[in-house]
Every structure is written in structure tokens, then in C-alpha cells.
Amino acid sequence: MIQFSAITRIFHMGDQEIHALDHIDLEISSGEYVSIMGPSGSGKSTLLNIMGLLDKPDSGRYQLDGRDVTDLTETEQAQVRREKIGFVFQSFHLVPRLTAAENIELPLILTGISPAERKAQVEEALHAFDLSERAQHRPAELSGGQRQRVAIARATILRPTALLADEPTGNLDHRIGSEVMALLEDLHHAGTTLIVVTHDRELGSRAHRRIAMRDGQIVADEQ
């Protein structure tokens, strides 16, 4: 599903070059559950951003489902993201002025789905993520676990083939974090490719495949 060939990403800080990714070769098959681990600055979030077409490499090629997506325009990138990729972030990224239901509905609006169909899909998602009673609450009125469940519901409402999670439990306590990971793993069991970036070794060890990064390079890749 995901194929990186010699992917490099360089950032400039003054006159210094930071090689966030240094000629990365990587293949991830459809349906895998992968964790990407490493200390801060190892390149793991940069890797995820390029996978999710939120950033572009400086060199190398990226193929997604057999299509070369390295040089897509911003409009083409947005279309591929809508069709294939869901995101879950540590800081939730919910729209503060919208209710839980309205946040979940956003991707459906952007895709042009009819109001009646949107309503049915949002109600289904609210029920599936145990959020029906919180549907009309705004993010500030929700707990951290509820906000992350809203974020996961929004990320998966269009049924993406891959779900990319960047430190998905970073702002949650251990118990709630475990519940959130169980939700993500349920989605994986239903067929979604799950890729989790974390610095937490306990969290990373739950994945079936564990990739370790350091200084912009993959230093271990274990099943």
C-alpha cells in the first residue's frame, strides 16, 4: 500500500541543514498494524506527515496504492487524503465552535454528501463511538477521551484505507489512553491499515510490526 524509495526531507535552521529523513526505504502492506517509535527529533512525525501527504520529500519517490503521489498538486493531495487517509493527532484538532456531531460531519460536507445521508452517517458514528449523549456538546465541554473519540470518528467517517495516528494517547491518562488504543485496534481488526507514531515503548509494542527510528533513519524493523 505504502512504498517509500530513498525518501529524504531536509529542514534549514539558519545555515544548518537538518536531515529529518535520510534516504528512507519502506514498504507497508494493506491491513498492517505498524508502530513507528523513536525519541523526539528522530524523524517519525516527518515520516507520518509525508505518508499522509501533509508534507513533500525533497527527494525520493512515494507510491500509495500503486500510484506515484510524490509530485501531486495541493488539490490532488487533498483529494487523495479524503479518499484514502484518516488522521488522529495528539491535540485532537477539533473545531472549537462546532459540536461533536458537527466536527464528525465536516469530512462529509467537504465531500459533497447530501444532508440526509450525512445525518444518518453521523448518527451511526456517534453510536459506534459511544458519543450519542454528547453529540451537541462542543470540545471544551468534553473530556480528553471523548474529544479523541470524536477525532477518531471524524477521521474514519469516510472509511479510509489507512489511519495515521500521531501520539494518539499523548494527552490522555493511562486508562483512557488504553481505551482509545482499543478503539483504533478495533478499526484495524475490521481491515484498516493502522500506523501509530509514538515515543512510548509500551504503546508501540502493541503493534504487529515495530519500526524504530533515530536521526532520520530506520534502525530496526521487527515483526
Protein backbone atom coordinates (compact mmCIF):
# COMPACT_ATOMS: atom_id res chain seq x y z
CA MET A 1 0.00 0.00 0.00
CA ILE A 2 2.74 2.47 1.04
CA GLN A 3 6.13 2.43 -0.66
CA PHE A 4 8.95 4.89 0.07
CA SER A 5 12.02 4.84 -2.14
CA ALA A 6 15.04 6.85 -0.92
CA ILE A 7 12.84 9.49 0.72
CA THR A 8 14.77 12.47 2.05
CA ARG A 9 13.46 15.53 3.89
CA ILE A 10 15.76 18.39 4.87
CA PHE A 11 14.92 21.38 7.04
CA HIS A 12 17.07 24.51 7.26
CA MET A 13 17.73 26.30 10.53
CA GLY A 14 19.90 29.29 9.77
CA ASP A 15 22.90 27.89 7.93
CA GLN A 16 22.38 24.41 9.35
CA GLU A 17 20.78 21.51 7.46
CA ILE A 18 18.66 19.10 9.48
CA HIS A 19 18.16 15.74 7.74
CA ALA A 20 14.77 14.83 9.22
CA LEU A 21 14.60 11.84 6.85
CA ASP A 22 17.73 10.39 5.29
CA HIS A 23 17.08 8.17 2.24
CA ILE A 24 14.24 6.13 3.75
CA ASP A 25 13.18 2.89 2.02
CA LEU A 26 9.96 1.46 3.46
CA GLU A 27 7.03 -0.71 2.40
CA ILE A 28 3.81 -1.13 4.40
CA SER A 29 1.20 -3.56 3.12
CA SER A 30 -2.55 -3.08 3.24
CA GLY A 31 -4.04 -4.21 6.56
CA GLU A 32 -0.84 -4.00 8.62
CA TYR A 33 -0.65 -2.61 12.16
CA VAL A 34 2.64 -0.72 12.44
CA SER A 35 4.18 1.40 15.17
CA ILE A 36 6.92 3.91 14.41
CA MET A 37 8.98 4.67 17.51
CA GLY A 38 11.91 6.85 18.38
CA PRO A 39 12.99 9.79 20.53
CA SER A 40 11.99 13.38 19.81
CA GLY A 41 13.69 14.58 16.62
CA SER A 42 14.17 11.08 15.20
CA GLY A 43 12.03 11.85 12.13
CA LYS A 44 8.97 9.77 12.95
CA SER A 45 6.41 12.59 12.71
CA THR A 46 8.01 13.86 9.48
CA LEU A 47 7.68 10.33 8.09
CA LEU A 48 4.00 10.26 9.04
CA ASN A 49 3.36 13.70 7.54
CA ILE A 50 4.79 12.60 4.20
CA MET A 51 2.76 9.37 4.33
CA GLY A 52 -0.35 11.49 4.89
CA LEU A 53 0.50 13.96 2.10
CA LEU A 54 0.79 16.81 4.59
CA ASP A 55 4.41 17.35 3.52
CA LYS A 56 6.56 16.58 0.49
CA PRO A 57 10.00 14.96 0.36
CA ASP A 58 12.98 16.82 -1.03
CA SER A 59 13.99 13.72 -2.96
CA GLY A 60 12.87 10.14 -3.47
CA ARG A 61 9.53 8.71 -4.59
CA TYR A 62 6.33 7.86 -2.73
CA GLN A 63 3.79 5.39 -4.10
CA LEU A 64 0.37 4.97 -2.45
CA ASP A 65 -1.78 2.06 -3.62
CA GLY A 66 0.38 1.75 -6.73
CA ARG A 67 0.11 5.44 -7.66
CA ASP A 68 3.09 7.80 -7.57
CA VAL A 69 1.90 10.64 -5.33
CA THR A 70 5.24 12.39 -4.87
CA ASP A 71 4.53 15.41 -7.06
CA LEU A 72 0.78 15.88 -6.71
CA THR A 73 -0.63 19.39 -6.55
CA GLU A 74 -2.21 20.55 -3.28
CA THR A 75 -5.67 19.95 -4.76
CA GLU A 76 -4.73 16.41 -5.85
CA GLN A 77 -3.18 15.72 -2.44
CA ALA A 78 -6.39 16.84 -0.70
CA GLN A 79 -8.45 14.51 -2.88
CA VAL A 80 -6.22 11.50 -2.13
CA ARG A 81 -6.33 12.30 1.61
CA ARG A 82 -10.13 12.39 1.54
CA GLU A 83 -10.33 9.08 -0.30
CA LYS A 84 -7.65 7.04 1.45
CA ILE A 85 -6.25 8.54 4.67
CA GLY A 86 -7.57 9.36 8.13
CA PHE A 87 -5.60 11.27 10.77
CA VAL A 88 -5.65 11.16 14.56
CA PHE A 89 -3.48 13.70 16.38
CA GLN A 90 -2.31 14.11 19.97
CA SER A 91 -4.01 17.52 20.26
CA PHE A 92 -7.31 16.31 18.66
CA HIS A 93 -7.54 19.25 16.16
CA LEU A 94 -11.29 19.67 16.65
CA VAL A 95 -13.03 22.91 15.64
CA PRO A 96 -13.85 24.60 18.98
CA ARG A 97 -17.07 26.32 17.87
CA LEU A 98 -18.59 23.14 16.41
CA THR A 99 -20.40 20.44 18.34
CA ALA A 100 -19.17 16.84 18.43
CA ALA A 101 -21.69 15.91 15.73
CA GLU A 102 -20.69 18.87 13.54
CA ASN A 103 -16.97 18.03 13.87
CA ILE A 104 -17.66 14.46 12.76
CA GLU A 105 -19.78 15.73 9.87
CA LEU A 106 -17.08 18.02 8.43
CA PRO A 107 -15.44 15.48 6.04
CA LEU A 108 -18.86 14.54 4.68
CA ILE A 109 -19.66 18.18 3.93
CA LEU A 110 -16.32 18.65 2.15
CA THR A 111 -17.02 15.56 0.04
CA GLY A 112 -20.45 16.84 -1.01
CA ILE A 113 -22.61 14.14 0.56
CA SER A 114 -26.31 15.04 0.85
CA PRO A 115 -27.65 16.35 4.21
CA ALA A 116 -29.90 13.33 4.75
CA GLU A 117 -27.07 10.87 4.16
CA ARG A 118 -24.73 12.95 6.34
CA LYS A 119 -27.23 12.86 9.20
CA ALA A 120 -27.54 9.08 9.02
CA GLN A 121 -23.78 8.51 8.88
CA VAL A 122 -23.07 10.92 11.76
CA GLU A 123 -25.72 9.26 13.95
CA GLU A 124 -24.18 5.87 13.18
CA ALA A 125 -20.70 7.14 14.09
CA LEU A 126 -21.91 8.78 17.31
CA HIS A 127 -23.49 5.49 18.35
CA ALA A 128 -20.44 3.42 17.37
CA PHE A 129 -18.11 5.59 19.45
CA ASP A 130 -20.50 5.93 22.41
CA LEU A 131 -20.96 9.65 21.84
CA SER A 132 -24.71 9.94 21.20
CA GLU A 133 -25.34 11.70 24.51
CA ARG A 134 -22.53 14.17 23.81
CA ALA A 135 -23.50 14.96 20.21
CA GLN A 136 -24.44 18.60 20.88
CA HIS A 137 -21.50 19.37 23.19
CA ARG A 138 -18.56 21.45 21.99
CA PRO A 139 -14.97 20.24 22.52
CA ALA A 140 -14.47 22.40 25.64
CA GLU A 141 -17.38 20.54 27.22
CA LEU A 142 -15.89 17.09 26.56
CA SER A 143 -13.28 15.07 28.42
CA GLY A 144 -9.96 14.26 26.74
CA GLY A 145 -11.10 10.74 25.95
CA GLN A 146 -14.37 11.98 24.47
CA ARG A 147 -12.53 14.52 22.32
CA GLN A 148 -10.22 11.82 20.99
CA ARG A 149 -13.21 9.59 20.22
CA VAL A 150 -14.77 12.48 18.27
CA ALA A 151 -11.46 12.89 16.41
CA ILE A 152 -11.33 9.17 15.58
CA ALA A 153 -14.97 9.19 14.44
CA ARG A 154 -14.22 12.17 12.19
CA ALA A 155 -11.05 10.51 10.84
CA THR A 156 -12.90 7.32 9.92
CA ILE A 157 -16.31 8.63 8.80
CA LEU A 158 -15.24 8.28 5.13
CA ARG A 159 -13.85 4.79 5.78
CA PRO A 160 -10.22 5.44 4.81
CA THR A 161 -7.97 2.55 3.91
CA ALA A 162 -5.19 3.86 6.19
CA LEU A 163 -5.40 5.53 9.60
CA LEU A 164 -2.35 7.53 10.69
CA ALA A 165 -2.14 8.28 14.42
CA ASP A 166 0.50 10.69 15.80
CA GLU A 167 0.92 10.20 19.58
CA PRO A 168 -2.84 9.47 19.87
CA THR A 169 -2.72 8.96 23.65
CA GLY A 170 -0.20 11.69 24.45
CA ASN A 171 -2.73 13.95 26.19
CA LEU A 172 -4.62 11.15 27.96
CA ASP A 173 -4.11 9.26 31.20
CA HIS A 174 -3.17 5.57 31.04
CA ARG A 175 -6.69 4.17 31.42
CA ILE A 176 -8.30 6.45 28.84
CA GLY A 177 -5.30 6.01 26.54
CA SER A 178 -5.76 2.24 26.64
CA GLU A 179 -9.44 2.66 25.74
CA VAL A 180 -8.52 4.88 22.78
CA MET A 181 -5.94 2.34 21.57
CA ALA A 182 -8.55 -0.41 21.82
CA LEU A 183 -10.82 1.65 19.54
CA LEU A 184 -8.03 2.10 17.00
CA GLU A 185 -7.20 -1.60 17.15
CA ASP A 186 -10.85 -2.50 16.59
CA LEU A 187 -10.69 -0.46 13.37
CA HIS A 188 -7.55 -2.37 12.38
CA HIS A 189 -9.29 -5.70 13.01
CA ALA A 190 -12.05 -4.50 10.67
CA GLY A 191 -9.45 -4.10 7.89
CA THR A 192 -7.99 -0.61 8.28
CA THR A 193 -4.23 -0.20 7.89
CA LEU A 194 -3.12 1.34 11.22
CA ILE A 195 0.13 3.28 11.58
CA VAL A 196 0.89 4.73 15.01
CA VAL A 197 3.75 7.12 15.77
CA THR A 198 4.81 7.12 19.42
CA HIS A 199 7.77 7.54 21.76
CA ASP A 200 6.03 5.21 24.25
CA ARG A 201 7.60 1.74 24.02
CA GLU A 202 4.66 0.09 25.81
CA LEU A 203 2.25 1.59 23.30
CA GLY A 204 4.48 0.76 20.35
CA SER A 205 4.86 -2.85 21.45
CA ARG A 206 1.13 -3.44 20.87
CA ALA A 207 1.67 -3.24 17.09
CA HIS A 208 2.32 -6.34 15.00
CA ARG A 209 5.25 -4.61 13.29
CA ARG A 210 7.56 -2.21 15.10
CA ILE A 211 9.81 0.28 13.32
CA ALA A 212 12.44 2.21 15.28
CA MET A 213 13.94 5.48 14.03
CA ARG A 214 16.96 7.54 15.02
CA ASP A 215 18.50 10.60 13.33
CA GLY A 216 16.21 10.37 10.31
CA GLN A 217 16.94 6.70 9.61
CA ILE A 218 15.20 3.40 10.25
CA VAL A 219 17.42 1.47 12.66
CA ALA A 220 15.12 -1.51 13.33
CA ASP A 221 12.09 -3.14 11.68
CA GLU A 222 10.67 -6.09 13.60
CA GLN A 223 7.60 -8.27 13.31
